[in-house]
């Protein structure tokens, strides 16, 4: 399968410019609120018309500005799951599903019965949306989509309004419900956890543009851009000044970092995840003045601590020479590491493991 998009639209103060080719059955689109994620889905569905460009899915052309092609939403055979599920409040569960099915009355009844059984809704067929839980409403909405056998399914932040417990349940349920669907499913979200669990291919969207595109796990492990690192959970960044093939100065942390890896020439930032710091309690003479010692350690002073049920978040000021006074370093500890801090006190340095350092554009 293949989805090819090169299309955009201009709005007052904002431009949407999407260009990508996706071939995975599970595509995630990750971006902050207002980045253009949902607009991209609406273009694919035919709800939002581009100013120009081309959109093709599996050799079917949905839109081609130059050729004058713009298929209506009902002709694209695309299923769209909205944030609020968009169920008809005056229709029963069976009625909501039936409205998506074409054919004779007997064919419609057979298809509705099939969907009720498949999505575990048989005992709820005569209920109305207001009488259903959030999880049941989601199943009805997905059953309605699947009833007309769409070639492409679009999920627009379907878990955004749910609490954490229900969200986890419904994510697992949705994955199970779509397990045997052989078309492409696109999930839009600003939650990195949702995207990581669901998708195998990932688009990073910022200010209406694709900033990075690749395998989901590969981008989480080794993002190439600062926006990708931030959206995938990285908390610590410093401006970077390349000082050679194997040395870079972290300007905001006030230290020189030396690596066996070659430093990319286009590096602009250093990134480091909050769970990856290695605490150092004893002063290493090689680190005096933030020099290029083997430890690659940042001298720090504690600012504050936030204790959560299963994690402690320590916030430090970097004390390296020339370090930015406005920067705080986040060091997050899982519960099993608390004892060491309790016994030894606050560390004087935070060491960077070379393999965990992110070189970012």
Protein backbone atom coordinates (compact mmCIF):
# COMPACT_ATOMS: atom_id res chain seq x y z
CA UNK A 1 0.00 0.00 0.00
CA UNK A 2 1.13 3.55 -0.62
CA UNK A 3 -0.15 7.00 0.28
CA UNK A 4 1.47 9.85 -1.63
CA UNK A 5 0.76 13.43 -0.61
CA UNK A 6 2.09 16.68 -2.01
CA UNK A 7 -0.51 19.28 -1.21
CA UNK A 8 -1.02 22.43 0.80
CA UNK A 9 -3.28 25.27 1.64
CA UNK A 10 -2.69 28.80 2.85
CA UNK A 11 -4.65 30.36 5.70
CA UNK A 12 -4.30 33.80 7.27
CA UNK A 13 -1.14 33.51 9.36
CA UNK A 14 -0.65 29.79 8.70
CA UNK A 15 0.38 27.60 5.77
CA UNK A 16 -0.18 23.86 5.48
CA UNK A 17 2.44 22.23 3.26
CA UNK A 18 2.41 18.42 3.37
CA UNK A 19 4.73 16.28 1.28
CA UNK A 20 5.36 12.61 2.09
CA UNK A 21 4.99 9.06 0.84
CA UNK A 22 3.95 6.43 3.40
CA UNK A 23 3.89 2.67 2.85
CA UNK A 24 3.20 1.27 6.31
CA UNK A 25 -0.16 -0.07 7.39
CA UNK A 26 0.02 1.93 10.62
CA UNK A 27 1.09 5.55 10.22
CA UNK A 28 1.35 8.01 13.11
CA UNK A 29 1.32 11.80 12.82
CA UNK A 30 2.82 13.45 15.90
CA UNK A 31 2.83 17.16 16.57
CA UNK A 32 1.91 19.84 19.06
CA UNK A 33 -1.56 21.37 19.17
CA UNK A 34 -2.05 23.69 16.21
CA UNK A 35 0.74 22.14 14.14
CA UNK A 36 -1.57 21.07 11.28
CA UNK A 37 -2.09 17.37 12.07
CA UNK A 38 -5.88 17.34 11.89
CA UNK A 39 -5.85 19.59 8.82
CA UNK A 40 -3.78 16.95 7.09
CA UNK A 41 -6.44 14.32 7.86
CA UNK A 42 -9.20 16.59 6.61
CA UNK A 43 -7.33 17.02 3.31
CA UNK A 44 -7.06 13.25 2.95
CA UNK A 45 -10.75 12.81 3.71
CA UNK A 46 -11.82 15.50 1.24
CA UNK A 47 -13.28 17.78 3.91
CA UNK A 48 -10.57 20.40 3.36
CA UNK A 49 -9.65 21.21 -0.23
CA UNK A 50 -5.98 22.00 -0.96
CA UNK A 51 -4.99 25.05 -2.97
CA UNK A 52 -2.83 22.85 -5.18
CA UNK A 53 -0.97 19.55 -5.33
CA UNK A 54 -1.81 15.86 -5.55
CA UNK A 55 -3.08 13.14 -3.19
CA UNK A 56 -3.01 9.49 -4.23
CA UNK A 57 -3.74 6.29 -2.35
CA UNK A 58 -3.02 2.89 -3.87
CA UNK A 59 -3.03 4.32 -7.41
CA UNK A 60 -6.36 6.08 -6.83
CA UNK A 61 -6.15 9.85 -7.21
CA UNK A 62 -8.13 11.64 -4.52
CA UNK A 63 -7.03 15.09 -5.58
CA UNK A 64 -5.02 16.56 -8.43
CA UNK A 65 -5.18 20.33 -8.73
CA UNK A 66 -3.57 20.45 -12.17
CA UNK A 67 -5.88 17.78 -13.60
CA UNK A 68 -9.01 19.16 -11.96
CA UNK A 69 -9.65 16.01 -9.89
CA UNK A 70 -11.23 16.37 -6.45
CA UNK A 71 -13.18 13.32 -5.30
CA UNK A 72 -16.03 13.95 -2.90
CA UNK A 73 -15.56 12.56 0.63
CA UNK A 74 -18.17 9.84 0.00
CA UNK A 75 -16.30 8.74 -3.14
CA UNK A 76 -12.90 8.30 -1.45
CA UNK A 77 -13.97 5.29 0.64
CA UNK A 78 -12.21 6.72 3.70
CA UNK A 79 -13.31 6.08 7.27
CA UNK A 80 -12.89 9.05 9.64
CA UNK A 81 -13.05 8.57 13.42
CA UNK A 82 -13.52 12.00 14.99
CA UNK A 83 -12.43 13.01 18.49
CA UNK A 84 -16.02 13.00 19.76
CA UNK A 85 -17.01 9.99 17.56
CA UNK A 86 -19.79 12.05 15.85
CA UNK A 87 -22.55 9.54 16.53
CA UNK A 88 -26.12 10.54 15.68
CA UNK A 89 -27.73 11.15 19.09
CA UNK A 90 -31.30 10.32 17.98
CA UNK A 91 -30.30 6.98 16.40
CA UNK A 92 -29.79 3.71 18.21
CA UNK A 93 -26.51 1.80 18.02
CA UNK A 94 -27.93 -0.35 15.22
CA UNK A 95 -29.23 2.73 13.43
CA UNK A 96 -25.88 4.49 13.61
CA UNK A 97 -24.19 1.49 12.02
CA UNK A 98 -26.93 0.93 9.43
CA UNK A 99 -26.67 4.46 8.06
CA UNK A 100 -23.22 3.63 6.69
CA UNK A 101 -24.28 0.46 4.86
CA UNK A 102 -25.44 0.35 1.26
CA UNK A 103 -27.50 -2.36 -0.39
CA UNK A 104 -30.84 -4.01 0.07
CA UNK A 105 -32.60 -4.13 3.41
CA UNK A 106 -31.56 -7.74 3.91
CA UNK A 107 -27.92 -6.93 3.07
CA UNK A 108 -27.93 -4.01 5.47
CA UNK A 109 -29.41 -6.04 8.30
CA UNK A 110 -26.84 -8.79 7.75
CA UNK A 111 -23.95 -6.33 7.77
CA UNK A 112 -25.24 -4.54 10.89
CA UNK A 113 -25.61 -7.87 12.68
CA UNK A 114 -22.05 -8.79 11.68
CA UNK A 115 -20.66 -5.51 13.04
CA UNK A 116 -22.66 -5.75 16.28
CA UNK A 117 -21.19 -9.18 16.89
CA UNK A 118 -17.64 -8.28 15.87
CA UNK A 119 -17.46 -5.20 18.10
CA UNK A 120 -19.28 -6.81 21.06
CA UNK A 121 -22.32 -4.57 20.74
CA UNK A 122 -25.11 -7.14 20.30
CA UNK A 123 -26.69 -6.41 23.69
CA UNK A 124 -26.56 -2.66 23.07
CA UNK A 125 -28.18 -2.46 19.63
CA UNK A 126 -31.27 -0.55 20.86
CA UNK A 127 -29.45 1.91 23.08
CA UNK A 128 -28.74 5.52 22.19
CA UNK A 129 -25.26 7.14 22.31
CA UNK A 130 -26.08 9.02 25.53
CA UNK A 131 -26.68 5.68 27.23
CA UNK A 132 -23.22 4.33 26.34
CA UNK A 133 -19.82 4.61 28.01
CA UNK A 134 -16.91 6.24 26.19
CA UNK A 135 -15.48 2.87 25.23
CA UNK A 136 -18.83 1.68 23.89
CA UNK A 137 -19.26 4.86 21.86
CA UNK A 138 -15.85 4.32 20.32
CA UNK A 139 -16.77 0.77 19.35
CA UNK A 140 -19.99 1.99 17.72
CA UNK A 141 -18.13 4.68 15.78
CA UNK A 142 -15.53 2.18 14.58
CA UNK A 143 -18.21 -0.38 13.72
CA UNK A 144 -19.96 2.24 11.60
CA UNK A 145 -16.70 2.95 9.78
CA UNK A 146 -15.89 -0.72 9.19
CA UNK A 147 -19.45 -1.46 8.05
CA UNK A 148 -18.81 0.06 4.63
CA UNK A 149 -15.33 -1.49 4.22
CA UNK A 150 -13.14 1.61 3.88
CA UNK A 151 -9.79 1.44 2.10
CA UNK A 152 -8.22 3.99 4.47
CA UNK A 153 -9.02 4.80 8.12
CA UNK A 154 -8.23 8.14 9.75
CA UNK A 155 -8.16 8.45 13.56
CA UNK A 156 -8.22 12.06 14.77
CA UNK A 157 -6.99 12.08 18.40
CA UNK A 158 -9.67 9.58 19.50
CA UNK A 159 -8.33 9.33 23.06
CA UNK A 160 -7.68 13.00 23.83
CA UNK A 161 -10.62 13.53 26.20
CA UNK A 162 -10.16 10.34 28.25
CA UNK A 163 -8.53 9.78 31.62
CA UNK A 164 -5.31 7.76 31.74
CA UNK A 165 -6.89 4.47 32.84
CA UNK A 166 -9.65 4.50 30.23
CA UNK A 167 -7.23 5.73 27.58
CA UNK A 168 -4.94 2.73 28.06
CA UNK A 169 -7.89 0.34 27.89
CA UNK A 170 -9.29 1.87 24.74
CA UNK A 171 -5.92 2.02 22.98
CA UNK A 172 -5.48 -1.69 23.55
CA UNK A 173 -9.04 -2.37 22.42
CA UNK A 174 -8.70 -0.30 19.26
CA UNK A 175 -5.48 -2.11 18.34
CA UNK A 176 -7.27 -5.43 18.78
CA UNK A 177 -10.26 -4.32 16.72
CA UNK A 178 -8.06 -3.25 13.82
CA UNK A 179 -5.71 -6.24 13.97
CA UNK A 180 -7.14 -7.90 10.85
CA UNK A 181 -7.70 -4.71 8.86
CA UNK A 182 -5.42 -4.81 5.82
CA UNK A 183 -5.69 -1.17 4.76
CA UNK A 184 -3.73 1.82 6.05
CA UNK A 185 -4.67 3.37 9.38
CA UNK A 186 -3.45 6.88 10.23
CA UNK A 187 -3.46 8.04 13.85
CA UNK A 188 -3.08 11.74 14.64
CA UNK A 189 -2.01 12.58 18.18
CA UNK A 190 0.05 14.89 20.35
CA UNK A 191 0.72 11.97 22.73
CA UNK A 192 4.03 10.25 22.12
CA UNK A 193 2.87 7.18 24.07
CA UNK A 194 -0.17 6.67 21.83
CA UNK A 195 1.91 7.07 18.69
CA UNK A 196 4.66 4.74 19.92
CA UNK A 197 2.23 1.97 20.82
CA UNK A 198 0.18 2.19 17.63
CA UNK A 199 2.33 3.14 14.65
CA UNK A 200 5.24 1.61 12.77
CA UNK A 201 5.87 4.68 10.58
CA UNK A 202 5.92 8.25 11.86
CA UNK A 203 5.55 11.80 10.58
CA UNK A 204 6.70 14.69 12.77
CA UNK A 205 4.69 17.83 12.04
CA UNK A 206 5.62 21.37 13.07
CA UNK A 207 4.09 24.62 11.80
CA UNK A 208 2.23 22.89 8.99
CA UNK A 209 5.26 21.03 7.60
CA UNK A 210 6.79 17.57 7.84
CA UNK A 211 9.97 17.99 9.88
CA UNK A 212 10.99 14.34 9.98
CA UNK A 213 9.72 11.03 8.58
CA UNK A 214 10.80 7.48 9.32
CA UNK A 215 10.25 4.35 11.38
CA UNK A 216 8.58 5.11 14.70
CA UNK A 217 11.05 3.29 16.92
CA UNK A 218 14.02 4.56 14.94
CA UNK A 219 12.91 8.19 15.33
CA UNK A 220 12.27 7.78 19.04
CA UNK A 221 15.71 6.23 19.52
CA UNK A 222 17.71 8.56 17.28
CA UNK A 223 15.82 11.74 16.28
CA UNK A 224 17.63 13.98 13.86
CA UNK A 225 15.95 17.28 14.72
CA UNK A 226 15.27 19.13 17.95
CA UNK A 227 11.52 19.22 17.34
CA UNK A 228 11.45 15.43 16.98
CA UNK A 229 13.47 14.92 20.16
CA UNK A 230 11.16 17.28 22.06
CA UNK A 231 7.97 15.62 20.80
CA UNK A 232 9.34 12.16 21.63
CA UNK A 233 10.00 13.16 25.23
CA UNK A 234 13.50 14.67 25.45
CA UNK A 235 13.64 17.34 28.19
CA UNK A 236 17.22 18.64 28.04
CA UNK A 237 18.70 20.73 25.24
CA UNK A 238 21.74 22.91 24.78
CA UNK A 239 22.93 25.00 21.89
CA UNK A 240 25.95 23.30 20.36
CA UNK A 241 29.21 24.59 18.88
CA UNK A 242 31.17 21.98 16.94
CA UNK A 243 34.86 22.14 17.85
CA UNK A 244 36.15 19.30 15.68
CA UNK A 245 35.25 15.84 14.49
CA UNK A 246 35.01 14.47 18.03
CA UNK A 247 34.35 17.49 20.24
CA UNK A 248 31.40 19.80 20.73
CA UNK A 249 30.75 22.51 23.28
CA UNK A 250 27.37 22.45 24.99
CA UNK A 251 27.01 26.21 25.31
CA UNK A 252 24.03 26.27 27.69
CA UNK A 253 25.56 23.63 30.00
CA UNK A 254 29.06 25.14 30.02
CA UNK A 255 31.00 21.97 29.17
CA UNK A 256 32.98 20.44 26.33
CA UNK A 257 31.79 17.02 25.22
CA UNK A 258 34.25 14.58 23.61
CA UNK A 259 33.03 11.49 21.79
CA UNK A 260 34.31 8.55 19.84
CA UNK A 261 31.46 9.14 17.41
CA UNK A 262 32.06 11.77 14.77
CA UNK A 263 30.16 14.99 15.45
CA UNK A 264 27.88 15.91 12.50
CA UNK A 265 28.88 19.11 10.74
CA UNK A 266 25.32 20.44 10.76
CA UNK A 267 24.80 20.00 14.52
CA UNK A 268 22.94 22.86 16.20
CA UNK A 269 21.79 21.31 19.48
CA UNK A 270 22.69 18.62 21.97
CA UNK A 271 19.80 16.65 23.46
CA UNK A 272 19.75 14.34 26.47
CA UNK A 273 16.82 12.45 27.95
CA UNK A 274 15.95 12.97 31.60
CA UNK A 275 16.08 9.26 32.50
CA UNK A 276 19.57 8.71 31.05
CA UNK A 277 21.78 10.86 33.32
CA UNK A 278 24.38 9.06 35.42
CA UNK A 279 24.89 10.77 38.81
CA UNK A 280 28.47 11.41 40.00
CA UNK A 281 29.02 12.32 43.67
CA UNK A 282 32.81 12.65 43.81
CA UNK A 283 34.59 15.40 41.96
CA UNK A 284 36.74 14.24 39.03
CA UNK A 285 39.82 16.45 38.56
CA UNK A 286 39.54 16.05 34.79
CA UNK A 287 36.22 17.88 34.90
CA UNK A 288 37.62 21.10 36.44
CA UNK A 289 36.42 24.12 34.51
CA UNK A 290 34.18 22.00 32.32
CA UNK A 291 37.14 20.54 30.46
CA UNK A 292 37.03 17.73 27.95
CA UNK A 293 37.43 14.84 30.39
CA UNK A 294 36.34 11.30 29.75
CA UNK A 295 33.43 11.72 32.11
CA UNK A 296 31.61 14.31 30.01
CA UNK A 297 29.96 15.42 33.25
CA UNK A 298 28.03 18.62 33.94
CA UNK A 299 28.66 20.24 37.35
CA UNK A 300 25.23 20.98 38.82
CA UNK A 301 23.40 22.55 41.73
CA UNK A 302 19.96 21.43 42.86
CA UNK A 303 17.05 23.79 42.15
CA UNK A 304 14.07 21.72 43.32
CA UNK A 305 12.51 18.26 43.45
CA UNK A 306 9.07 17.04 42.42
CA UNK A 307 8.09 13.71 43.97
CA UNK A 308 5.49 11.67 42.11
CA UNK A 309 4.02 8.28 43.06
CA UNK A 310 6.49 6.27 40.99
CA UNK A 311 9.12 8.81 40.01
CA UNK A 312 11.18 11.67 41.38
CA UNK A 313 11.97 14.59 39.13
CA UNK A 314 15.14 16.50 40.05
CA UNK A 315 15.78 19.90 38.49
CA UNK A 316 19.37 21.16 38.44
CA UNK A 317 21.12 24.33 37.34
CA UNK A 318 24.21 23.65 35.21
CA UNK A 319 27.30 25.22 36.80
CA UNK A 320 29.78 24.77 33.97
CA UNK A 321 31.81 27.77 32.82
CA UNK A 322 29.52 30.11 30.88
CA UNK A 323 26.42 27.99 31.46
CA UNK A 324 23.11 29.71 30.81
CA UNK A 325 21.46 30.92 34.04
CA UNK A 326 18.01 30.32 32.51
CA UNK A 327 18.51 26.61 31.83
CA UNK A 328 17.32 23.82 34.11
CA UNK A 329 18.38 20.20 33.67
CA UNK A 330 15.72 17.56 34.26
CA UNK A 331 16.87 14.29 35.83
CA UNK A 332 14.06 11.78 36.37
CA UNK A 333 14.49 8.75 38.64
CA UNK A 334 12.32 5.65 38.75
CA UNK A 335 11.52 4.38 42.25
CA UNK A 336 14.21 1.67 42.22
CA UNK A 337 16.92 4.37 42.03
CA UNK A 338 15.64 6.49 44.96
CA UNK A 339 17.61 4.59 47.59
CA UNK A 340 20.98 5.58 46.11
CA UNK A 341 20.09 9.28 46.19
CA UNK A 342 18.66 8.99 49.69
CA UNK A 343 21.87 7.39 50.97
CA UNK A 344 24.44 9.46 49.08
CA UNK A 345 22.70 12.79 48.82
CA UNK A 346 22.50 15.14 45.86
CA UNK A 347 25.14 14.44 43.16
CA UNK A 348 27.67 17.11 42.18
CA UNK A 349 27.75 16.11 38.53
CA UNK A 350 25.45 14.61 35.93
CA UNK A 351 27.36 12.39 33.55
CA UNK A 352 26.36 11.92 29.90
CA UNK A 353 26.70 8.43 28.46
CA UNK A 354 28.01 8.88 24.94
CA UNK A 355 25.57 6.44 23.33
CA UNK A 356 22.64 8.44 24.80
CA UNK A 357 23.75 11.85 23.49
CA UNK A 358 21.52 13.21 20.72
CA UNK A 359 23.14 15.30 17.98
CA UNK A 360 20.36 17.49 16.61
CA UNK A 361 19.67 19.92 13.82
